[in-house]
Amino acid sequence: MLDLEHLFAFDHPIYRPLWMRLGLVALCLGWAVFEALTGSAGWAILFGACGAYLGWRLLLRHSSGKDRQT
């Protein structure tokens, strides 16, 4: 099975600001809506799934680094 925790570095400093995490999720979900409106169901599903995964990983499971041990 594919281990996404090691495929993507979600602890990278670029993901610390909330605006960056919200922007990435909004970009993917917004693009999914655009693709759905233009009739590209396959791309809409792909970008919707990416946006949903990013929302779960970057917003719901994200730790700000304050609780991490060095």
Foldseek 3Di string as FASTA:
>chain_A
DDDVCVVDPCVDPQLLDPVSLVVVLCVLQVVLVVCVVVPNNVSSVVSPVVSVVSCCVSPVVDDNPPPDDD
